[in-house]
Amino acid sequence: MPDMMDTLVHFNGRTVPLREAQVNILTHALHYGTGVFEGIRGYWSADAEDLFLVRCEDHYLRWKTNCRMLGIEPRQTAEELTELTAELVRLNGFRTDVYVRPLAYMSSPRIGVRPDGKFDFAIIAVPFGVYIDSSRGLHAGIVSWRRLEDQALPARGKICGAYVNSVLATSEAHRHGYDEAILLNESGHVAEGATCNLFMVRHGRLITPPPSDNILEGITRACVIELARRELHMEVVERSIDRTELYSCEEVFLTGTAVEIAPVTRIDHIPVGSGQIGPHTAHLRELYGQAVHGRILDYHTWLHPCYQPVHVHAR
């Protein structure tokens, strides 16, 4: 098996092996969390003999918007960054599912919080399979840590320092024997998982918290909303969710680039609905898997092929 440290990455304007992509111990972002990252999935399709990056330009548009919150301004367009990512896939010869991690960060090696406008960025693509096995449903727990407030630290930005909130929540959830954490916001409403958005099915409607409840505006979340409306003809409602609704709804699932669509079958040791993966969740998981592998023509606009100039036809 190839050594992952030999993987070619884009680092500060150069293509180098991962082992050579090093930063100074005094790097500003290392001390103060002043970086912005993204997570992008790529799926290998044996039928198409191609690797599809999922909504890659949308991820880079969000990344650039979030970078702007810290005064970081990568000059490349989302289209250029997408092609740069596809080129990394080709250079590494990946023919398996991959995860792409763009990272922009304040790069001055010095002490002091004041920004000086200096930054660098990297793009890393690595082979990546199942992030968390949710095939039998996850057991989630509501943790004591609250979702960070947008007035204190932008909740909708994937800012490195903000993810201490996720680390603390995940650590607490695992200590209590849960697979995943669910965070409430300061108003006591359900916000999201530690690194993923949350949906519930109640009275046949698909319900998810709105961006104003301090959630990340997830791209997989947007995909699920589109699939539910177009394919399942479900009513999708964005509104605040009370904690006790999670105990009385029919289905709950989490969404995110890494977790994909992950059913939750127990919350705080209480079964969700029947305690089994619900039919809407199962259907959405199947549709999403088909779409990201290029098997549904209507969703080829989500995909950027790395090896072929055009999308394959649906099979």
C-alpha atoms as a PDB file:
ATOM      1  CA  MET A   1       0.000   0.000   0.000  1.00  0.00           C
ATOM      2  CA  PRO A   2       1.430   3.444  -0.930  1.00  0.00           C
ATOM      3  CA  ASP A   3       2.578   5.658   1.936  1.00  0.00           C
ATOM      4  CA  MET A   4       0.023   8.452   2.387  1.00  0.00           C
ATOM      5  CA  MET A   5       2.898  10.865   3.063  1.00  0.00           C
ATOM      6  CA  ASP A   6       3.877  10.450  -0.596  1.00  0.00           C
ATOM      7  CA  THR A   7       0.494  11.843  -1.702  1.00  0.00           C
ATOM      8  CA  LEU A   8       0.909  14.955  -3.850  1.00  0.00           C
ATOM      9  CA  VAL A   9      -0.745  18.062  -2.430  1.00  0.00           C
ATOM     10  CA  HIS A  10      -1.032  21.714  -3.370  1.00  0.00           C
ATOM     11  CA  PHE A  11       0.913  23.711  -0.782  1.00  0.00           C
ATOM     12  CA  ASN A  12       1.543  27.442  -1.012  1.00  0.00           C
ATOM     13  CA  GLY A  13       1.520  27.506  -4.807  1.00  0.00           C
ATOM     14  CA  ARG A  14       3.513  24.299  -5.359  1.00  0.00           C
ATOM     15  CA  THR A  15       2.748  20.616  -5.849  1.00  0.00           C
ATOM     16  CA  VAL A  16       4.741  18.669  -3.262  1.00  0.00           C
ATOM     17  CA  PRO A  17       4.532  15.351  -1.381  1.00  0.00           C
ATOM     18  CA  LEU A  18       2.498  15.605   1.803  1.00  0.00           C
ATOM     19  CA  ARG A  19       5.641  14.947   3.892  1.00  0.00           C
ATOM     20  CA  GLU A  20       7.123  18.220   2.603  1.00  0.00           C
ATOM     21  CA  ALA A  21       4.059  20.360   3.394  1.00  0.00           C
ATOM     22  CA  GLN A  22       5.297  21.764   6.710  1.00  0.00           C
ATOM     23  CA  VAL A  23       4.597  24.979   8.649  1.00  0.00           C
ATOM     24  CA  ASN A  24       6.567  26.897  11.267  1.00  0.00           C
ATOM     25  CA  ILE A  25       5.745  26.185  14.915  1.00  0.00           C
ATOM     26  CA  LEU A  26       4.988  29.922  15.366  1.00  0.00           C
ATOM     27  CA  THR A  27       2.439  30.020  12.524  1.00  0.00           C
ATOM     28  CA  HIS A  28      -0.375  32.387  13.501  1.00  0.00           C
ATOM     29  CA  ALA A  29      -3.147  29.909  12.663  1.00  0.00           C
ATOM     30  CA  LEU A  30      -1.602  27.215  14.853  1.00  0.00           C
ATOM     31  CA  HIS A  31      -1.765  29.467  17.921  1.00  0.00           C
ATOM     32  CA  TYR A  32      -4.998  31.369  17.300  1.00  0.00           C
ATOM     33  CA  GLY A  33      -7.143  29.130  15.081  1.00  0.00           C
ATOM     34  CA  THR A  34      -7.101  31.676  12.241  1.00  0.00           C
ATOM     35  CA  GLY A  35      -7.750  29.331   9.369  1.00  0.00           C
ATOM     36  CA  VAL A  36     -10.708  28.338   7.215  1.00  0.00           C
ATOM     37  CA  PHE A  37     -11.231  24.872   5.803  1.00  0.00           C
ATOM     38  CA  GLU A  38     -13.652  22.940   3.632  1.00  0.00           C
ATOM     39  CA  GLY A  39     -14.479  19.288   3.121  1.00  0.00           C
ATOM     40  CA  ILE A  40     -15.278  17.965  -0.352  1.00  0.00           C
ATOM     41  CA  ARG A  41     -16.140  14.383  -1.293  1.00  0.00           C
ATOM     42  CA  GLY A  42     -15.138  12.668  -4.483  1.00  0.00           C
ATOM     43  CA  TYR A  43     -16.732   9.339  -5.475  1.00  0.00           C
ATOM     44  CA  TRP A  44     -15.192   6.783  -7.806  1.00  0.00           C
ATOM     45  CA  SER A  45     -17.652   5.297 -10.294  1.00  0.00           C
ATOM     46  CA  ALA A  46     -16.503   1.995 -11.773  1.00  0.00           C
ATOM     47  CA  ASP A  47     -19.330   2.196 -14.323  1.00  0.00           C
ATOM     48  CA  ALA A  48     -18.173   5.580 -15.615  1.00  0.00           C
ATOM     49  CA  GLU A  49     -14.475   4.949 -14.923  1.00  0.00           C
ATOM     50  CA  ASP A  50     -14.341   8.412 -13.424  1.00  0.00           C
ATOM     51  CA  LEU A  51     -14.109  10.153 -10.098  1.00  0.00           C
ATOM     52  CA  PHE A  52     -16.806  12.740  -9.404  1.00  0.00           C
ATOM     53  CA  LEU A  53     -16.198  15.722  -7.111  1.00  0.00           C
ATOM     54  CA  VAL A  54     -19.523  16.604  -5.492  1.00  0.00           C
ATOM     55  CA  ARG A  55     -20.595  20.262  -5.724  1.00  0.00           C
ATOM     56  CA  CYS A  56     -16.965  21.271  -5.730  1.00  0.00           C
ATOM     57  CA  GLU A  57     -17.498  24.833  -6.959  1.00  0.00           C
ATOM     58  CA  ASP A  58     -20.186  25.388  -4.318  1.00  0.00           C
ATOM     59  CA  HIS A  59     -17.750  24.273  -1.626  1.00  0.00           C
ATOM     60  CA  TYR A  60     -15.084  26.628  -2.910  1.00  0.00           C
ATOM     61  CA  LEU A  61     -17.539  29.526  -3.124  1.00  0.00           C
ATOM     62  CA  ARG A  62     -18.442  28.925   0.532  1.00  0.00           C
ATOM     63  CA  TRP A  63     -14.763  28.616   1.418  1.00  0.00           C
ATOM     64  CA  LYS A  64     -13.920  31.931  -0.230  1.00  0.00           C
ATOM     65  CA  THR A  65     -16.865  33.637   1.494  1.00  0.00           C
ATOM     66  CA  ASN A  66     -15.788  32.263   4.863  1.00  0.00           C
ATOM     67  CA  CYS A  67     -12.170  33.273   4.221  1.00  0.00           C
ATOM     68  CA  ARG A  68     -13.345  36.829   3.707  1.00  0.00           C
ATOM     69  CA  MET A  69     -14.615  36.887   7.308  1.00  0.00           C
ATOM     70  CA  LEU A  70     -10.966  36.640   8.412  1.00  0.00           C
ATOM     71  CA  GLY A  71      -9.643  38.991   5.765  1.00  0.00           C
ATOM     72  CA  ILE A  72      -8.159  36.125   3.737  1.00  0.00           C
ATOM     73  CA  GLU A  73      -8.606  36.560  -0.016  1.00  0.00           C
ATOM     74  CA  PRO A  74      -7.442  33.633  -2.211  1.00  0.00           C
ATOM     75  CA  ARG A  75      -7.143  35.034  -5.730  1.00  0.00           C
ATOM     76  CA  GLN A  76      -8.233  31.874  -7.571  1.00  0.00           C
ATOM     77  CA  THR A  77     -11.857  31.553  -8.654  1.00  0.00           C
ATOM     78  CA  ALA A  78     -14.032  28.656  -7.538  1.00  0.00           C
ATOM     79  CA  GLU A  79     -13.743  27.236 -11.062  1.00  0.00           C
ATOM     80  CA  GLU A  80      -9.944  27.429 -10.985  1.00  0.00           C
ATOM     81  CA  LEU A  81      -9.816  25.811  -7.551  1.00  0.00           C
ATOM     82  CA  THR A  82     -12.088  23.016  -8.757  1.00  0.00           C
ATOM     83  CA  GLU A  83      -9.819  22.273 -11.704  1.00  0.00           C
ATOM     84  CA  LEU A  84      -6.771  22.438  -9.440  1.00  0.00           C
ATOM     85  CA  THR A  85      -8.434  19.807  -7.231  1.00  0.00           C
ATOM     86  CA  ALA A  86      -9.251  17.598 -10.224  1.00  0.00           C
ATOM     87  CA  GLU A  87      -5.619  17.874 -11.326  1.00  0.00           C
ATOM     88  CA  LEU A  88      -4.474  16.674  -7.893  1.00  0.00           C
ATOM     89  CA  VAL A  89      -6.743  13.649  -8.276  1.00  0.00           C
ATOM     90  CA  ARG A  90      -5.205  12.909 -11.674  1.00  0.00           C
ATOM     91  CA  LEU A  91      -1.621  13.417 -10.485  1.00  0.00           C
ATOM     92  CA  ASN A  92      -2.200  10.940  -7.661  1.00  0.00           C
ATOM     93  CA  GLY A  93      -4.028   8.513  -9.944  1.00  0.00           C
ATOM     94  CA  PHE A  94      -6.862   8.073  -7.443  1.00  0.00           C
ATOM     95  CA  ARG A  95      -9.420   5.473  -8.450  1.00  0.00           C
ATOM     96  CA  THR A  96     -11.210   5.286  -5.142  1.00  0.00           C
ATOM     97  CA  ASP A  97     -13.401   7.563  -3.067  1.00  0.00           C
ATOM     98  CA  VAL A  98     -11.509  10.617  -1.814  1.00  0.00           C
ATOM     99  CA  TYR A  99     -11.878  13.429   0.679  1.00  0.00           C
ATOM    100  CA  VAL A 100     -10.523  16.876  -0.207  1.00  0.00           C
ATOM    101  CA  ARG A 101      -9.436  19.345   2.469  1.00  0.00           C
ATOM    102  CA  PRO A 102      -8.769  22.934   1.331  1.00  0.00           C
ATOM    103  CA  LEU A 103      -7.207  25.031   4.091  1.00  0.00           C
ATOM    104  CA  ALA A 104      -6.416  28.746   4.079  1.00  0.00           C
ATOM    105  CA  TYR A 105      -4.592  30.108   7.101  1.00  0.00           C
ATOM    106  CA  MET A 106      -2.811  33.158   8.498  1.00  0.00           C
ATOM    107  CA  SER A 107       0.787  32.163   7.983  1.00  0.00           C
ATOM    108  CA  SER A 108       3.047  34.694   9.708  1.00  0.00           C
ATOM    109  CA  PRO A 109       5.402  32.969  12.183  1.00  0.00           C
ATOM    110  CA  ARG A 110       5.053  35.327  15.130  1.00  0.00           C
ATOM    111  CA  ILE A 111       3.395  35.950  18.492  1.00  0.00           C
ATOM    112  CA  GLY A 112       0.454  38.383  18.572  1.00  0.00           C
ATOM    113  CA  VAL A 113      -3.195  38.170  17.552  1.00  0.00           C
ATOM    114  CA  ARG A 114      -3.241  41.219  15.256  1.00  0.00           C
ATOM    115  CA  PRO A 115      -3.610  40.036  11.634  1.00  0.00           C
ATOM    116  CA  ASP A 116      -1.067  41.298   9.118  1.00  0.00           C
ATOM    117  CA  GLY A 117      -2.729  40.203   5.872  1.00  0.00           C
ATOM    118  CA  LYS A 118      -0.300  37.344   5.213  1.00  0.00           C
ATOM    119  CA  PHE A 119      -1.821  33.964   4.427  1.00  0.00           C
ATOM    120  CA  ASP A 120      -1.210  30.766   2.520  1.00  0.00           C
ATOM    121  CA  PHE A 121      -3.429  27.895   1.449  1.00  0.00           C
ATOM    122  CA  ALA A 122      -3.221  24.212   0.763  1.00  0.00           C
ATOM    123  CA  ILE A 123      -5.396  21.562  -0.879  1.00  0.00           C
ATOM    124  CA  ILE A 124      -5.054  17.955   0.239  1.00  0.00           C
ATOM    125  CA  ALA A 125      -6.879  15.008  -1.351  1.00  0.00           C
ATOM    126  CA  VAL A 126      -6.653  11.590   0.289  1.00  0.00           C
ATOM    127  CA  PRO A 127      -8.407   8.228  -0.157  1.00  0.00           C
ATOM    128  CA  PHE A 128     -11.444   8.160   2.110  1.00  0.00           C
ATOM    129  CA  GLY A 129     -14.141   5.626   2.785  1.00  0.00           C
ATOM    130  CA  VAL A 130     -16.882   5.479   5.415  1.00  0.00           C
ATOM    131  CA  TYR A 131     -16.426   8.203   8.041  1.00  0.00           C
ATOM    132  CA  ILE A 132     -18.772   6.645  10.580  1.00  0.00           C
ATOM    133  CA  ASP A 133     -20.629   3.360  10.165  1.00  0.00           C
ATOM    134  CA  SER A 134     -24.311   4.292  10.362  1.00  0.00           C
ATOM    135  CA  SER A 135     -25.640   1.235   8.520  1.00  0.00           C
ATOM    136  CA  ARG A 136     -27.593   0.165  11.619  1.00  0.00           C
ATOM    137  CA  GLY A 137     -28.348   3.674  12.834  1.00  0.00           C
ATOM    138  CA  LEU A 138     -26.486   5.879  15.295  1.00  0.00           C
ATOM    139  CA  HIS A 139     -27.052   6.440  19.000  1.00  0.00           C
ATOM    140  CA  ALA A 140     -26.814  10.203  19.630  1.00  0.00           C
ATOM    141  CA  GLY A 141     -26.875  12.206  22.832  1.00  0.00           C
ATOM    142  CA  ILE A 142     -27.583  15.829  23.644  1.00  0.00           C
ATOM    143  CA  VAL A 143     -24.459  17.259  25.270  1.00  0.00           C
ATOM    144  CA  SER A 144     -24.019  20.030  27.807  1.00  0.00           C
ATOM    145  CA  TRP A 145     -21.896  22.177  25.487  1.00  0.00           C
ATOM    146  CA  ARG A 146     -23.938  24.735  23.518  1.00  0.00           C
ATOM    147  CA  ARG A 147     -23.506  25.511  19.850  1.00  0.00           C
ATOM    148  CA  LEU A 148     -21.374  28.651  19.493  1.00  0.00           C
ATOM    149  CA  GLU A 149     -23.203  31.929  18.911  1.00  0.00           C
ATOM    150  CA  ASP A 150     -22.778  33.798  15.648  1.00  0.00           C
ATOM    151  CA  GLN A 151     -22.245  37.072  17.524  1.00  0.00           C
ATOM    152  CA  ALA A 152     -19.155  35.582  19.167  1.00  0.00           C
ATOM    153  CA  LEU A 153     -17.698  33.452  16.364  1.00  0.00           C
ATOM    154  CA  PRO A 154     -19.300  33.019  12.924  1.00  0.00           C
ATOM    155  CA  ALA A 155     -21.251  29.774  13.167  1.00  0.00           C
ATOM    156  CA  ARG A 156     -21.786  29.541   9.420  1.00  0.00           C
ATOM    157  CA  GLY A 157     -18.052  29.689   8.721  1.00  0.00           C
ATOM    158  CA  LYS A 158     -15.807  26.629   8.843  1.00  0.00           C
ATOM    159  CA  ILE A 159     -13.251  28.535  10.903  1.00  0.00           C
ATOM    160  CA  CYS A 160     -10.594  26.323  12.446  1.00  0.00           C
ATOM    161  CA  GLY A 161     -10.740  27.755  15.974  1.00  0.00           C
ATOM    162  CA  ALA A 162     -14.522  27.321  16.105  1.00  0.00           C
ATOM    163  CA  TYR A 163     -14.168  23.553  15.863  1.00  0.00           C
ATOM    164  CA  VAL A 164     -12.962  23.324  19.453  1.00  0.00           C
ATOM    165  CA  ASN A 165     -16.723  23.491  20.103  1.00  0.00           C
ATOM    166  CA  SER A 166     -17.155  20.308  18.045  1.00  0.00           C
ATOM    167  CA  VAL A 167     -14.188  18.587  19.678  1.00  0.00           C
ATOM    168  CA  LEU A 168     -15.548  19.206  23.181  1.00  0.00           C
ATOM    169  CA  ALA A 169     -19.042  18.050  22.198  1.00  0.00           C
ATOM    170  CA  THR A 170     -17.750  14.888  20.528  1.00  0.00           C
ATOM    171  CA  SER A 171     -15.502  14.050  23.454  1.00  0.00           C
ATOM    172  CA  GLU A 172     -18.397  14.355  25.904  1.00  0.00           C
ATOM    173  CA  ALA A 173     -20.714  12.282  23.706  1.00  0.00           C
ATOM    174  CA  HIS A 174     -18.167   9.471  23.406  1.00  0.00           C
ATOM    175  CA  ARG A 175     -17.511   9.456  27.167  1.00  0.00           C
ATOM    176  CA  HIS A 176     -21.232   8.890  27.641  1.00  0.00           C
ATOM    177  CA  GLY A 177     -21.281   6.029  25.153  1.00  0.00           C
ATOM    178  CA  TYR A 178     -22.939   7.862  22.257  1.00  0.00           C
ATOM    179  CA  ASP A 179     -21.859   7.699  18.614  1.00  0.00           C
ATOM    180  CA  GLU A 180     -22.574  11.360  17.946  1.00  0.00           C
ATOM    181  CA  ALA A 181     -23.301  14.589  19.793  1.00  0.00           C
ATOM    182  CA  ILE A 182     -26.310  16.859  19.323  1.00  0.00           C
ATOM    183  CA  LEU A 183     -25.840  20.479  20.376  1.00  0.00           C
ATOM    184  CA  LEU A 184     -28.503  22.940  21.450  1.00  0.00           C
ATOM    185  CA  ASN A 185     -28.033  26.670  20.925  1.00  0.00           C
ATOM    186  CA  GLU A 186     -28.194  29.291  23.671  1.00  0.00           C
ATOM    187  CA  SER A 187     -31.965  29.568  23.146  1.00  0.00           C
ATOM    188  CA  GLY A 188     -32.349  25.871  23.940  1.00  0.00           C
ATOM    189  CA  HIS A 189     -33.280  24.892  20.393  1.00  0.00           C
ATOM    190  CA  VAL A 190     -31.677  22.007  18.530  1.00  0.00           C
ATOM    191  CA  ALA A 191     -28.814  23.285  16.384  1.00  0.00           C
ATOM    192  CA  GLU A 192     -26.879  20.401  14.821  1.00  0.00           C
ATOM    193  CA  GLY A 193     -24.519  17.518  15.377  1.00  0.00           C
ATOM    194  CA  ALA A 194     -20.877  18.104  16.224  1.00  0.00           C
ATOM    195  CA  THR A 195     -19.919  18.254  12.528  1.00  0.00           C
ATOM    196  CA  CYS A 196     -23.218  17.735  10.708  1.00  0.00           C
ATOM    197  CA  ASN A 197     -26.691  19.135  10.131  1.00  0.00           C
ATOM    198  CA  LEU A 198     -29.817  17.548  11.574  1.00  0.00           C
ATOM    199  CA  PHE A 199     -33.196  16.653  10.061  1.00  0.00           C
ATOM    200  CA  MET A 200     -36.257  15.076  11.607  1.00  0.00           C
ATOM    201  CA  VAL A 201     -39.440  13.665  10.110  1.00  0.00           C
ATOM    202  CA  ARG A 202     -42.520  14.617  12.093  1.00  0.00           C
ATOM    203  CA  HIS A 203     -46.103  14.101  10.927  1.00  0.00           C
ATOM    204  CA  GLY A 204     -44.767  13.304   7.458  1.00  0.00           C
ATOM    205  CA  ARG A 205     -42.887  16.587   7.055  1.00  0.00           C
ATOM    206  CA  LEU A 206     -39.114  16.954   6.829  1.00  0.00           C
ATOM    207  CA  ILE A 207     -37.972  19.579   9.343  1.00  0.00           C
ATOM    208  CA  THR A 208     -34.523  21.101   9.847  1.00  0.00           C
ATOM    209  CA  PRO A 209     -33.253  24.077  11.897  1.00  0.00           C
ATOM    210  CA  PRO A 210     -32.860  27.386  10.026  1.00  0.00           C
ATOM    211  CA  PRO A 211     -29.507  29.156   9.562  1.00  0.00           C
ATOM    212  CA  SER A 212     -30.579  31.696  12.216  1.00  0.00           C
ATOM    213  CA  ASP A 213     -30.281  28.919  14.839  1.00  0.00           C
ATOM    214  CA  ASN A 214     -26.485  29.020  14.438  1.00  0.00           C
ATOM    215  CA  ILE A 215     -26.098  26.091  12.077  1.00  0.00           C
ATOM    216  CA  LEU A 216     -23.568  25.610   9.322  1.00  0.00           C
ATOM    217  CA  GLU A 217     -25.303  26.147   5.984  1.00  0.00           C
ATOM    218  CA  GLY A 218     -24.445  22.669   4.800  1.00  0.00           C
ATOM    219  CA  ILE A 219     -24.084  21.745   1.142  1.00  0.00           C
ATOM    220  CA  THR A 220     -25.150  18.146   1.782  1.00  0.00           C
ATOM    221  CA  ARG A 221     -28.084  19.651   3.699  1.00  0.00           C
ATOM    222  CA  ALA A 222     -29.054  21.560   0.533  1.00  0.00           C
ATOM    223  CA  CYS A 223     -28.764  18.354  -1.520  1.00  0.00           C
ATOM    224  CA  VAL A 224     -31.106  16.523   0.854  1.00  0.00           C
ATOM    225  CA  ILE A 225     -33.670  19.318   0.738  1.00  0.00           C
ATOM    226  CA  GLU A 226     -33.633  19.191  -3.074  1.00  0.00           C
ATOM    227  CA  LEU A 227     -33.939  15.402  -3.165  1.00  0.00           C
ATOM    228  CA  ALA A 228     -36.772  15.359  -0.627  1.00  0.00           C
ATOM    229  CA  ARG A 229     -38.787  17.947  -2.535  1.00  0.00           C
ATOM    230  CA  ARG A 230     -38.132  16.689  -6.071  1.00  0.00           C
ATOM    231  CA  GLU A 231     -38.020  12.935  -5.602  1.00  0.00           C
ATOM    232  CA  LEU A 232     -40.042  12.218  -2.459  1.00  0.00           C
ATOM    233  CA  HIS A 233     -42.459  15.168  -2.888  1.00  0.00           C
ATOM    234  CA  MET A 234     -42.072  15.930   0.802  1.00  0.00           C
ATOM    235  CA  GLU A 235     -42.855  19.232   2.443  1.00  0.00           C
ATOM    236  CA  VAL A 236     -39.570  20.594   3.815  1.00  0.00           C
ATOM    237  CA  VAL A 237     -39.762  23.109   6.660  1.00  0.00           C
ATOM    238  CA  GLU A 238     -36.909  25.159   8.106  1.00  0.00           C
ATOM    239  CA  ARG A 239     -37.859  26.091  11.672  1.00  0.00           C
ATOM    240  CA  SER A 240     -36.577  25.885  15.222  1.00  0.00           C
ATOM    241  CA  ILE A 241     -36.792  22.423  16.797  1.00  0.00           C
ATOM    242  CA  ASP A 242     -37.393  21.857  20.506  1.00  0.00           C
ATOM    243  CA  ARG A 243     -35.420  19.160  22.264  1.00  0.00           C
ATOM    244  CA  THR A 244     -38.492  17.111  23.165  1.00  0.00           C
ATOM    245  CA  GLU A 245     -39.561  16.941  19.516  1.00  0.00           C
ATOM    246  CA  LEU A 246     -36.610  14.629  18.934  1.00  0.00           C
ATOM    247  CA  TYR A 247     -38.215  12.184  21.370  1.00  0.00           C
ATOM    248  CA  SER A 248     -41.602  12.230  19.635  1.00  0.00           C
ATOM    249  CA  CYS A 249     -40.757  12.376  15.928  1.00  0.00           C
ATOM    250  CA  GLU A 250     -40.780   9.485  13.457  1.00  0.00           C
ATOM    251  CA  GLU A 251     -37.225   9.763  12.101  1.00  0.00           C
ATOM    252  CA  VAL A 252     -33.973  11.675  12.675  1.00  0.00           C
ATOM    253  CA  PHE A 253     -30.883  11.744  10.487  1.00  0.00           C
ATOM    254  CA  LEU A 254     -27.679  13.739  10.181  1.00  0.00           C
ATOM    255  CA  THR A 255     -26.107  15.105   7.012  1.00  0.00           C
ATOM    256  CA  GLY A 256     -22.652  16.286   6.069  1.00  0.00           C
ATOM    257  CA  THR A 257     -19.892  15.799   3.532  1.00  0.00           C
ATOM    258  CA  ALA A 258     -18.094  13.265   5.730  1.00  0.00           C
ATOM    259  CA  VAL A 259     -21.104  11.544   7.375  1.00  0.00           C
ATOM    260  CA  GLU A 260     -23.199  11.692   4.158  1.00  0.00           C
ATOM    261  CA  ILE A 261     -26.725  10.751   5.387  1.00  0.00           C
ATOM    262  CA  ALA A 262     -26.531   9.039   8.775  1.00  0.00           C
ATOM    263  CA  PRO A 263     -29.716   7.692  10.428  1.00  0.00           C
ATOM    264  CA  VAL A 264     -30.150   8.244  14.161  1.00  0.00           C
ATOM    265  CA  THR A 265     -32.194   5.507  15.828  1.00  0.00           C
ATOM    266  CA  ARG A 266     -31.734   6.467  19.510  1.00  0.00           C
ATOM    267  CA  ILE A 267     -31.337   9.831  21.240  1.00  0.00           C
ATOM    268  CA  ASP A 268     -30.492   9.976  24.965  1.00  0.00           C
ATOM    269  CA  HIS A 269     -31.221   6.221  25.160  1.00  0.00           C
ATOM    270  CA  ILE A 270     -34.748   6.855  23.806  1.00  0.00           C
ATOM    271  CA  PRO A 271     -35.700   5.105  20.519  1.00  0.00           C
ATOM    272  CA  VAL A 272     -36.461   7.433  17.609  1.00  0.00           C
ATOM    273  CA  GLY A 273     -39.802   6.291  16.198  1.00  0.00           C
ATOM    274  CA  SER A 274     -39.669   2.512  15.911  1.00  0.00           C
ATOM    275  CA  GLY A 275     -35.986   2.488  16.827  1.00  0.00           C
ATOM    276  CA  GLN A 276     -35.135   1.372  13.276  1.00  0.00           C
ATOM    277  CA  ILE A 277     -33.945   3.299  10.222  1.00  0.00           C
ATOM    278  CA  GLY A 278     -37.034   5.055   8.874  1.00  0.00           C
ATOM    279  CA  PRO A 279     -38.353   4.737   5.307  1.00  0.00           C
ATOM    280  CA  HIS A 280     -37.760   8.385   4.342  1.00  0.00           C
ATOM    281  CA  THR A 281     -34.202   8.263   5.633  1.00  0.00           C
ATOM    282  CA  ALA A 282     -33.517   5.000   3.803  1.00  0.00           C
ATOM    283  CA  HIS A 283     -34.944   6.378   0.551  1.00  0.00           C
ATOM    284  CA  LEU A 284     -32.908   9.583   0.782  1.00  0.00           C
ATOM    285  CA  ARG A 285     -29.722   7.613   1.505  1.00  0.00           C
ATOM    286  CA  GLU A 286     -30.299   5.519  -1.597  1.00  0.00           C
ATOM    287  CA  LEU A 287     -31.074   8.535  -3.794  1.00  0.00           C
ATOM    288  CA  TYR A 288     -28.057  10.451  -2.544  1.00  0.00           C
ATOM    289  CA  GLY A 289     -25.740   7.514  -3.158  1.00  0.00           C
ATOM    290  CA  GLN A 290     -27.057   7.103  -6.691  1.00  0.00           C
ATOM    291  CA  ALA A 291     -26.780  10.836  -7.416  1.00  0.00           C
ATOM    292  CA  VAL A 292     -23.188  11.306  -6.231  1.00  0.00           C
ATOM    293  CA  HIS A 293     -22.035   8.291  -8.246  1.00  0.00           C
ATOM    294  CA  GLY A 294     -23.424   9.816 -11.444  1.00  0.00           C
ATOM    295  CA  ARG A 295     -26.327   7.416 -11.856  1.00  0.00           C
ATOM    296  CA  ILE A 296     -29.149   9.999 -11.933  1.00  0.00           C
ATOM    297  CA  LEU A 297     -28.974  12.327 -14.916  1.00  0.00           C
ATOM    298  CA  ASP A 298     -30.896  15.157 -13.213  1.00  0.00           C
ATOM    299  CA  TYR A 299     -28.090  15.585 -10.669  1.00  0.00           C
ATOM    300  CA  HIS A 300     -25.078  15.520 -12.962  1.00  0.00           C
ATOM    301  CA  THR A 301     -24.854  19.278 -12.391  1.00  0.00           C
ATOM    302  CA  TRP A 302     -23.665  18.427  -8.860  1.00  0.00           C
ATOM    303  CA  LEU A 303     -20.667  16.542 -10.230  1.00  0.00           C
ATOM    304  CA  HIS A 304     -17.288  17.518 -11.638  1.00  0.00           C
ATOM    305  CA  PRO A 305     -15.575  14.590 -13.419  1.00  0.00           C
ATOM    306  CA  CYS A 306     -11.827  14.351 -12.916  1.00  0.00           C
ATOM    307  CA  TYR A 307     -10.873  12.046 -15.796  1.00  0.00           C
ATOM    308  CA  GLN A 308     -13.529  12.576 -18.483  1.00  0.00           C
ATOM    309  CA  PRO A 309     -14.448  15.875 -20.171  1.00  0.00           C
ATOM    310  CA  VAL A 310     -18.194  15.237 -19.913  1.00  0.00           C
ATOM    311  CA  HIS A 311     -20.548  13.515 -17.495  1.00  0.00           C
ATOM    312  CA  VAL A 312     -21.607   9.981 -18.281  1.00  0.00           C
ATOM    313  CA  HIS A 313     -25.231   9.193 -19.018  1.00  0.00           C
ATOM    314  CA  ALA A 314     -27.431   7.789 -16.283  1.00  0.00           C
ATOM    315  CA  ARG A 315     -27.554   4.005 -16.131  1.00  0.00           C
END
